[in-house]
Amino acid sequence: MKRIFWLIIGIAVGVYAVTRLKKRAQILAPEGMQESAAKLAAAVRHFGDQVREGMAERETELRDALGIENTNDREDYR
């Protein structure tokens, strides 16, 4: 009975290890790396857009609070 139990445990661990290795191999394949890089680039781009939007909003709040008129000669963050 103990041998059958350990055999089943060994098979389960083996199947788990093989599936994890296959997933890792897919991630490290050129297509997987390209997909990961594209996701990272999109996330960085989105973060940059959010920061610029927040900066513009905060600048408007500060200009309103200080009573400074918006001028057309200032640099636009977008």
N, C-alpha and C. Protein backbone atom coordinates (compact mmCIF):
# COMPACT_ATOMS: atom_id res chain seq x y z
N MET A 1 0.82 -1.19 0.00
CA MET A 1 0.00 0.00 0.00
C MET A 1 0.87 1.27 0.00
N LYS A 2 1.97 1.25 0.79
CA LYS A 2 2.85 2.41 0.84
C LYS A 2 3.50 2.65 -0.52
N ARG A 3 3.87 1.59 -1.19
CA ARG A 3 4.53 1.74 -2.49
C ARG A 3 3.59 2.36 -3.51
N ILE A 4 2.35 1.95 -3.50
CA ILE A 4 1.37 2.53 -4.43
C ILE A 4 1.18 4.00 -4.11
N PHE A 5 1.09 4.35 -2.84
CA PHE A 5 0.94 5.75 -2.43
C PHE A 5 2.11 6.58 -2.94
N TRP A 6 3.35 6.12 -2.74
CA TRP A 6 4.51 6.88 -3.17
C TRP A 6 4.63 6.90 -4.69
N LEU A 7 4.16 5.86 -5.34
CA LEU A 7 4.15 5.85 -6.80
C LEU A 7 3.21 6.93 -7.32
N ILE A 8 2.04 7.04 -6.72
CA ILE A 8 1.07 8.07 -7.14
C ILE A 8 1.62 9.47 -6.86
N ILE A 9 2.24 9.64 -5.69
CA ILE A 9 2.86 10.94 -5.36
C ILE A 9 3.95 11.27 -6.38
N GLY A 10 4.77 10.31 -6.72
CA GLY A 10 5.85 10.53 -7.70
C GLY A 10 5.32 10.90 -9.07
N ILE A 11 4.26 10.22 -9.49
CA ILE A 11 3.65 10.53 -10.79
C ILE A 11 3.08 11.95 -10.78
N ALA A 12 2.40 12.30 -9.70
CA ALA A 12 1.81 13.65 -9.60
C ALA A 12 2.89 14.72 -9.63
N VAL A 13 3.96 14.52 -8.90
CA VAL A 13 5.06 15.49 -8.89
C VAL A 13 5.71 15.57 -10.28
N GLY A 14 5.87 14.43 -10.93
CA GLY A 14 6.44 14.42 -12.28
C GLY A 14 5.58 15.17 -13.27
N VAL A 15 4.28 14.95 -13.22
CA VAL A 15 3.37 15.65 -14.14
C VAL A 15 3.42 17.15 -13.87
N TYR A 16 3.40 17.52 -12.60
CA TYR A 16 3.47 18.94 -12.23
C TYR A 16 4.76 19.57 -12.75
N ALA A 17 5.88 18.88 -12.56
CA ALA A 17 7.17 19.42 -13.00
C ALA A 17 7.22 19.56 -14.51
N VAL A 18 6.71 18.59 -15.23
CA VAL A 18 6.73 18.66 -16.70
C VAL A 18 5.87 19.81 -17.20
N THR A 19 4.68 20.00 -16.62
CA THR A 19 3.83 21.10 -17.08
C THR A 19 4.46 22.45 -16.76
N ARG A 20 5.10 22.58 -15.58
CA ARG A 20 5.78 23.84 -15.25
C ARG A 20 6.93 24.10 -16.21
N LEU A 21 7.69 23.08 -16.54
CA LEU A 21 8.80 23.24 -17.47
C LEU A 21 8.32 23.62 -18.87
N LYS A 22 7.22 23.04 -19.31
CA LYS A 22 6.67 23.40 -20.63
C LYS A 22 6.24 24.86 -20.66
N LYS A 23 5.58 25.30 -19.60
CA LYS A 23 5.17 26.71 -19.53
C LYS A 23 6.38 27.62 -19.54
N ARG A 24 7.40 27.26 -18.79
CA ARG A 24 8.63 28.08 -18.73
C ARG A 24 9.31 28.11 -20.09
N ALA A 25 9.32 27.00 -20.79
CA ALA A 25 9.93 26.94 -22.12
C ALA A 25 9.16 27.82 -23.10
N GLN A 26 7.84 27.85 -22.98
CA GLN A 26 7.05 28.72 -23.86
C GLN A 26 7.32 30.18 -23.58
N ILE A 27 7.48 30.52 -22.31
CA ILE A 27 7.76 31.91 -21.95
C ILE A 27 9.13 32.33 -22.47
N LEU A 28 10.10 31.44 -22.39
CA LEU A 28 11.46 31.77 -22.80
C LEU A 28 11.69 31.64 -24.30
N ALA A 29 10.71 31.13 -25.02
CA ALA A 29 10.82 31.03 -26.47
C ALA A 29 10.78 32.45 -27.06
N PRO A 30 11.33 32.65 -28.25
CA PRO A 30 11.35 33.99 -28.84
C PRO A 30 9.96 34.64 -28.94
N GLU A 31 8.94 33.85 -29.26
CA GLU A 31 7.60 34.42 -29.37
C GLU A 31 7.10 34.89 -27.99
N GLY A 32 7.40 34.09 -26.98
CA GLY A 32 6.99 34.45 -25.62
C GLY A 32 7.71 35.69 -25.12
N MET A 33 8.99 35.80 -25.43
CA MET A 33 9.77 36.97 -25.02
C MET A 33 9.26 38.22 -25.73
N GLN A 34 8.93 38.09 -27.00
CA GLN A 34 8.41 39.22 -27.76
C GLN A 34 7.07 39.68 -27.19
N GLU A 35 6.22 38.73 -26.83
CA GLU A 35 4.93 39.06 -26.24
C GLU A 35 5.11 39.75 -24.89
N SER A 36 6.04 39.25 -24.09
CA SER A 36 6.31 39.86 -22.79
C SER A 36 6.84 41.28 -22.96
N ALA A 37 7.72 41.48 -23.92
CA ALA A 37 8.27 42.81 -24.17
C ALA A 37 7.18 43.76 -24.64
N ALA A 38 6.27 43.27 -25.47
CA ALA A 38 5.18 44.12 -25.95
C ALA A 38 4.25 44.52 -24.79
N LYS A 39 3.98 43.57 -23.90
CA LYS A 39 3.14 43.89 -22.73
C LYS A 39 3.82 44.92 -21.84
N LEU A 40 5.11 44.76 -21.64
CA LEU A 40 5.86 45.70 -20.81
C LEU A 40 5.86 47.09 -21.44
N ALA A 41 6.08 47.16 -22.75
CA ALA A 41 6.08 48.45 -23.44
C ALA A 41 4.72 49.12 -23.34
N ALA A 42 3.65 48.35 -23.48
CA ALA A 42 2.31 48.93 -23.38
C ALA A 42 2.05 49.44 -21.96
N ALA A 43 2.51 48.71 -20.96
CA ALA A 43 2.32 49.15 -19.57
C ALA A 43 3.10 50.43 -19.29
N VAL A 44 4.33 50.52 -19.79
CA VAL A 44 5.13 51.72 -19.59
C VAL A 44 4.50 52.91 -20.31
N ARG A 45 4.00 52.68 -21.51
CA ARG A 45 3.34 53.74 -22.28
C ARG A 45 2.10 54.24 -21.54
N HIS A 46 1.32 53.31 -21.02
CA HIS A 46 0.10 53.68 -20.28
C HIS A 46 0.46 54.47 -19.02
N PHE A 47 1.50 54.03 -18.31
CA PHE A 47 1.95 54.74 -17.12
C PHE A 47 2.38 56.16 -17.47
N GLY A 48 3.12 56.32 -18.54
CA GLY A 48 3.56 57.65 -18.98
C GLY A 48 2.38 58.55 -19.32
N ASP A 49 1.39 57.99 -19.98
CA ASP A 49 0.19 58.77 -20.31
C ASP A 49 -0.53 59.22 -19.05
N GLN A 50 -0.62 58.33 -18.06
CA GLN A 50 -1.28 58.68 -16.80
C GLN A 50 -0.51 59.77 -16.06
N VAL A 51 0.81 59.69 -16.08
CA VAL A 51 1.63 60.70 -15.41
C VAL A 51 1.45 62.06 -16.09
N ARG A 52 1.50 62.08 -17.41
CA ARG A 52 1.33 63.35 -18.13
C ARG A 52 -0.05 63.95 -17.88
N GLU A 53 -1.06 63.10 -17.85
CA GLU A 53 -2.42 63.57 -17.58
C GLU A 53 -2.51 64.17 -16.17
N GLY A 54 -1.91 63.50 -15.21
CA GLY A 54 -1.91 64.00 -13.83
C GLY A 54 -1.14 65.31 -13.71
N MET A 55 -0.03 65.41 -14.43
CA MET A 55 0.75 66.64 -14.40
C MET A 55 -0.05 67.81 -14.96
N ALA A 56 -0.76 67.57 -16.06
CA ALA A 56 -1.56 68.63 -16.67
C ALA A 56 -2.68 69.07 -15.74
N GLU A 57 -3.33 68.10 -15.09
CA GLU A 57 -4.40 68.44 -14.16
C GLU A 57 -3.87 69.24 -12.98
N ARG A 58 -2.74 68.80 -12.44
CA ARG A 58 -2.16 69.50 -11.28
C ARG A 58 -1.70 70.89 -11.66
N GLU A 59 -1.14 71.04 -12.85
CA GLU A 59 -0.71 72.37 -13.30
C GLU A 59 -1.90 73.31 -13.42
N THR A 60 -3.00 72.79 -13.94
CA THR A 60 -4.21 73.61 -14.05
C THR A 60 -4.70 74.02 -12.67
N GLU A 61 -4.69 73.08 -11.71
CA GLU A 61 -5.10 73.40 -10.35
C GLU A 61 -4.21 74.48 -9.74
N LEU A 62 -2.90 74.35 -9.94
CA LEU A 62 -1.97 75.34 -9.38
C LEU A 62 -2.14 76.70 -10.04
N ARG A 63 -2.32 76.72 -11.35
CA ARG A 63 -2.52 78.01 -12.05
C ARG A 63 -3.80 78.68 -11.55
N ASP A 64 -4.86 77.88 -11.37
CA ASP A 64 -6.11 78.45 -10.86
C ASP A 64 -5.93 78.98 -9.44
N ALA A 65 -5.22 78.23 -8.60
CA ALA A 65 -5.02 78.64 -7.21
C ALA A 65 -4.16 79.90 -7.11
N LEU A 66 -3.20 80.05 -8.01
CA LEU A 66 -2.30 81.21 -7.98
C LEU A 66 -2.83 82.38 -8.82
N GLY A 67 -3.89 82.16 -9.56
CA GLY A 67 -4.47 83.22 -10.38
C GLY A 67 -3.65 83.53 -11.61
N ILE A 68 -2.93 82.55 -12.10
CA ILE A 68 -2.12 82.74 -13.31
C ILE A 68 -2.96 82.33 -14.51
N GLU A 69 -2.95 83.18 -15.53
CA GLU A 69 -3.70 82.85 -16.74
C GLU A 69 -2.95 81.79 -17.53
N ASN A 70 -3.71 80.94 -18.18
CA ASN A 70 -3.09 79.95 -19.07
C ASN A 70 -2.62 80.66 -20.31
N THR A 71 -1.37 80.46 -20.67
CA THR A 71 -0.81 81.10 -21.84
C THR A 71 -0.57 80.06 -22.91
N ASN A 72 -0.61 80.48 -24.14
CA ASN A 72 -0.40 79.55 -25.27
C ASN A 72 1.07 79.28 -25.52
N ASP A 73 1.97 80.07 -24.93
CA ASP A 73 3.39 79.89 -25.19
C ASP A 73 4.04 78.84 -24.28
N ARG A 74 3.28 78.25 -23.38
CA ARG A 74 3.85 77.22 -22.52
C ARG A 74 3.90 75.88 -23.27
N GLU A 75 4.78 75.02 -22.81
CA GLU A 75 4.94 73.72 -23.45
C GLU A 75 3.82 72.79 -23.05
N ASP A 76 3.28 72.08 -24.01
CA ASP A 76 2.25 71.08 -23.73
C ASP A 76 2.93 69.75 -23.43
N TYR A 77 2.48 69.03 -22.42
CA TYR A 77 3.13 67.79 -22.00
C TYR A 77 2.79 66.61 -22.89
N ARG A 78 1.86 66.70 -23.76
CA ARG A 78 1.46 65.56 -24.58
C ARG A 78 2.24 65.48 -25.83
